[in-house]
Amino acid sequence: MEPAVTAVDSLAERFAAVGTFLQMADSLHDNANYQYDAVDLIRQCLSDLSRDAYADIQQAWAGRDRAAFDRS
């Protein structure tokens, strides 16, 4: 039997999932649980994004790679 929910692997997929979740905002914006989950999902995506960016910055700094640092 297949699970009802599948794991989301990439950051882009997570942000897409947030977008899908936020499409329900018109009908659920007054629901406290929806509001909590919306904030939590966005917070988690931003946390993941910043963690990845920080790792890139550290690697560029350690390698003295100015171009990679600027891209980070």
N, C-alpha and C. Protein backbone atom coordinates (compact mmCIF):
# COMPACT_ATOMS: atom_id res chain seq x y z
N MET A 1 0.84 -1.18 0.00
CA MET A 1 0.00 0.00 0.00
C MET A 1 0.89 1.26 0.00
N GLU A 2 0.59 2.19 -0.87
CA GLU A 2 1.36 3.43 -0.99
C GLU A 2 0.99 4.39 0.14
N PRO A 3 1.97 5.15 0.65
CA PRO A 3 1.64 6.15 1.67
C PRO A 3 0.81 7.27 1.07
N ALA A 4 -0.05 7.88 1.89
CA ALA A 4 -0.90 8.96 1.43
C ALA A 4 -0.11 10.23 1.16
N VAL A 5 0.99 10.41 1.86
CA VAL A 5 1.82 11.60 1.71
C VAL A 5 3.22 11.16 1.31
N THR A 6 3.79 11.84 0.33
CA THR A 6 5.14 11.51 -0.09
C THR A 6 6.10 12.58 0.40
N ALA A 7 7.36 12.21 0.57
CA ALA A 7 8.37 13.16 1.02
C ALA A 7 8.69 14.15 -0.09
N VAL A 8 8.97 15.37 0.30
CA VAL A 8 9.39 16.40 -0.64
C VAL A 8 10.89 16.56 -0.48
N ASP A 9 11.63 16.38 -1.58
CA ASP A 9 13.09 16.30 -1.49
C ASP A 9 13.82 17.62 -1.71
N SER A 10 13.44 18.37 -2.70
CA SER A 10 14.22 19.56 -3.02
C SER A 10 13.58 20.81 -2.44
N LEU A 11 14.42 21.81 -2.27
CA LEU A 11 13.94 23.08 -1.76
C LEU A 11 12.90 23.69 -2.69
N ALA A 12 13.11 23.55 -3.99
CA ALA A 12 12.14 24.07 -4.97
C ALA A 12 10.79 23.39 -4.81
N GLU A 13 10.81 22.09 -4.56
CA GLU A 13 9.56 21.36 -4.35
C GLU A 13 8.87 21.81 -3.07
N ARG A 14 9.66 22.11 -2.04
CA ARG A 14 9.07 22.58 -0.78
C ARG A 14 8.41 23.94 -0.97
N PHE A 15 9.08 24.86 -1.71
CA PHE A 15 8.48 26.16 -1.96
C PHE A 15 7.23 26.02 -2.84
N ALA A 16 7.24 25.09 -3.78
CA ALA A 16 6.05 24.83 -4.60
C ALA A 16 4.92 24.30 -3.73
N ALA A 17 5.24 23.45 -2.77
CA ALA A 17 4.22 22.92 -1.86
C ALA A 17 3.63 24.03 -1.01
N VAL A 18 4.45 24.98 -0.58
CA VAL A 18 3.94 26.12 0.16
C VAL A 18 2.99 26.93 -0.71
N GLY A 19 3.37 27.13 -1.97
CA GLY A 19 2.48 27.85 -2.88
C GLY A 19 1.14 27.18 -3.03
N THR A 20 1.16 25.86 -3.13
CA THR A 20 -0.09 25.10 -3.23
C THR A 20 -0.90 25.26 -1.95
N PHE A 21 -0.23 25.17 -0.82
CA PHE A 21 -0.90 25.32 0.47
C PHE A 21 -1.54 26.71 0.59
N LEU A 22 -0.83 27.73 0.14
CA LEU A 22 -1.33 29.10 0.26
C LEU A 22 -2.48 29.40 -0.69
N GLN A 23 -2.70 28.56 -1.69
CA GLN A 23 -3.84 28.76 -2.59
C GLN A 23 -5.17 28.61 -1.85
N MET A 24 -5.14 27.98 -0.69
CA MET A 24 -6.36 27.80 0.10
C MET A 24 -6.60 28.96 1.06
N ALA A 25 -5.77 29.98 1.01
CA ALA A 25 -5.86 31.09 1.96
C ALA A 25 -7.21 31.80 1.92
N ASP A 26 -7.79 31.94 0.73
CA ASP A 26 -9.08 32.65 0.65
C ASP A 26 -10.16 31.99 1.49
N SER A 27 -10.17 30.67 1.50
CA SER A 27 -11.24 29.99 2.25
C SER A 27 -10.84 29.64 3.67
N LEU A 28 -9.54 29.65 3.98
CA LEU A 28 -9.10 29.22 5.31
C LEU A 28 -8.38 30.29 6.12
N HIS A 29 -8.34 31.52 5.63
CA HIS A 29 -7.54 32.55 6.29
C HIS A 29 -7.97 32.84 7.73
N ASP A 30 -9.20 32.54 8.08
CA ASP A 30 -9.67 32.77 9.46
C ASP A 30 -9.41 31.58 10.38
N ASN A 31 -8.93 30.49 9.83
CA ASN A 31 -8.68 29.28 10.61
C ASN A 31 -7.31 29.37 11.29
N ALA A 32 -7.30 29.32 12.63
CA ALA A 32 -6.05 29.46 13.39
C ALA A 32 -5.05 28.35 13.05
N ASN A 33 -5.54 27.15 12.83
CA ASN A 33 -4.63 26.05 12.48
C ASN A 33 -3.98 26.27 11.12
N TYR A 34 -4.76 26.76 10.17
CA TYR A 34 -4.22 27.07 8.85
C TYR A 34 -3.16 28.17 8.96
N GLN A 35 -3.45 29.21 9.71
CA GLN A 35 -2.50 30.31 9.89
C GLN A 35 -1.20 29.80 10.51
N TYR A 36 -1.32 28.98 11.53
CA TYR A 36 -0.14 28.42 12.19
C TYR A 36 0.69 27.60 11.21
N ASP A 37 0.02 26.72 10.47
CA ASP A 37 0.73 25.86 9.53
C ASP A 37 1.36 26.67 8.39
N ALA A 38 0.67 27.71 7.93
CA ALA A 38 1.23 28.54 6.86
C ALA A 38 2.52 29.21 7.32
N VAL A 39 2.49 29.78 8.51
CA VAL A 39 3.69 30.43 9.05
C VAL A 39 4.80 29.40 9.26
N ASP A 40 4.44 28.24 9.79
CA ASP A 40 5.45 27.21 10.06
C ASP A 40 6.08 26.68 8.78
N LEU A 41 5.27 26.44 7.74
CA LEU A 41 5.81 25.96 6.47
C LEU A 41 6.76 26.97 5.84
N ILE A 42 6.36 28.23 5.83
CA ILE A 42 7.21 29.27 5.26
C ILE A 42 8.48 29.43 6.09
N ARG A 43 8.36 29.40 7.41
CA ARG A 43 9.52 29.51 8.29
C ARG A 43 10.51 28.38 8.00
N GLN A 44 9.99 27.16 7.83
CA GLN A 44 10.87 26.03 7.57
C GLN A 44 11.57 26.16 6.22
N CYS A 45 10.85 26.60 5.21
CA CYS A 45 11.48 26.79 3.89
C CYS A 45 12.56 27.85 3.94
N LEU A 46 12.29 28.95 4.63
CA LEU A 46 13.30 30.00 4.74
C LEU A 46 14.50 29.53 5.55
N SER A 47 14.25 28.74 6.58
CA SER A 47 15.34 28.17 7.37
C SER A 47 16.22 27.27 6.51
N ASP A 48 15.58 26.42 5.72
CA ASP A 48 16.33 25.53 4.83
C ASP A 48 17.13 26.32 3.80
N LEU A 49 16.51 27.35 3.25
CA LEU A 49 17.17 28.19 2.26
C LEU A 49 18.40 28.88 2.86
N SER A 50 18.23 29.42 4.06
CA SER A 50 19.35 30.11 4.70
C SER A 50 20.45 29.13 5.10
N ARG A 51 20.09 27.93 5.51
CA ARG A 51 21.10 26.92 5.86
C ARG A 51 21.94 26.57 4.63
N ASP A 52 21.30 26.39 3.50
CA ASP A 52 22.02 26.09 2.26
C ASP A 52 22.91 27.26 1.84
N ALA A 53 22.38 28.47 1.95
CA ALA A 53 23.15 29.65 1.58
C ALA A 53 24.35 29.81 2.51
N TYR A 54 24.16 29.58 3.79
CA TYR A 54 25.26 29.70 4.75
C TYR A 54 26.37 28.70 4.45
N ALA A 55 25.99 27.49 4.11
CA ALA A 55 26.98 26.46 3.75
C ALA A 55 27.77 26.89 2.51
N ASP A 56 27.09 27.47 1.53
CA ASP A 56 27.76 27.95 0.31
C ASP A 56 28.72 29.09 0.65
N ILE A 57 28.29 29.99 1.52
CA ILE A 57 29.13 31.13 1.92
C ILE A 57 30.37 30.63 2.66
N GLN A 58 30.19 29.68 3.57
CA GLN A 58 31.32 29.13 4.31
C GLN A 58 32.34 28.47 3.37
N GLN A 59 31.83 27.70 2.43
CA GLN A 59 32.71 27.01 1.48
C GLN A 59 33.46 28.02 0.61
N ALA A 60 32.78 29.03 0.15
CA ALA A 60 33.43 30.06 -0.67
C ALA A 60 34.48 30.81 0.14
N TRP A 61 34.16 31.12 1.37
CA TRP A 61 35.10 31.84 2.23
C TRP A 61 36.34 30.99 2.50
N ALA A 62 36.12 29.72 2.84
CA ALA A 62 37.24 28.82 3.13
C ALA A 62 38.13 28.63 1.90
N GLY A 63 37.54 28.60 0.73
CA GLY A 63 38.30 28.43 -0.50
C GLY A 63 38.81 29.72 -1.08
N ARG A 64 38.53 30.84 -0.40
CA ARG A 64 38.93 32.16 -0.89
C ARG A 64 38.45 32.40 -2.32
N ASP A 65 37.22 31.93 -2.58
CA ASP A 65 36.63 32.03 -3.92
C ASP A 65 35.68 33.23 -3.94
N ARG A 66 36.19 34.36 -4.36
CA ARG A 66 35.41 35.62 -4.33
C ARG A 66 34.16 35.54 -5.20
N ALA A 67 34.28 34.94 -6.38
CA ALA A 67 33.13 34.84 -7.29
C ALA A 67 32.03 33.99 -6.66
N ALA A 68 32.38 32.86 -6.06
CA ALA A 68 31.39 32.01 -5.41
C ALA A 68 30.80 32.70 -4.21
N PHE A 69 31.62 33.45 -3.49
CA PHE A 69 31.13 34.21 -2.33
C PHE A 69 30.10 35.24 -2.77
N ASP A 70 30.39 35.95 -3.84
CA ASP A 70 29.46 36.95 -4.35
C ASP A 70 28.15 36.34 -4.84
N ARG A 71 28.22 35.13 -5.39
CA ARG A 71 27.00 34.45 -5.86
C ARG A 71 26.15 33.95 -4.70
N SER A 72 26.76 33.72 -3.56
CA SER A 72 26.06 33.13 -2.41
C SER A 72 25.13 34.06 -1.74
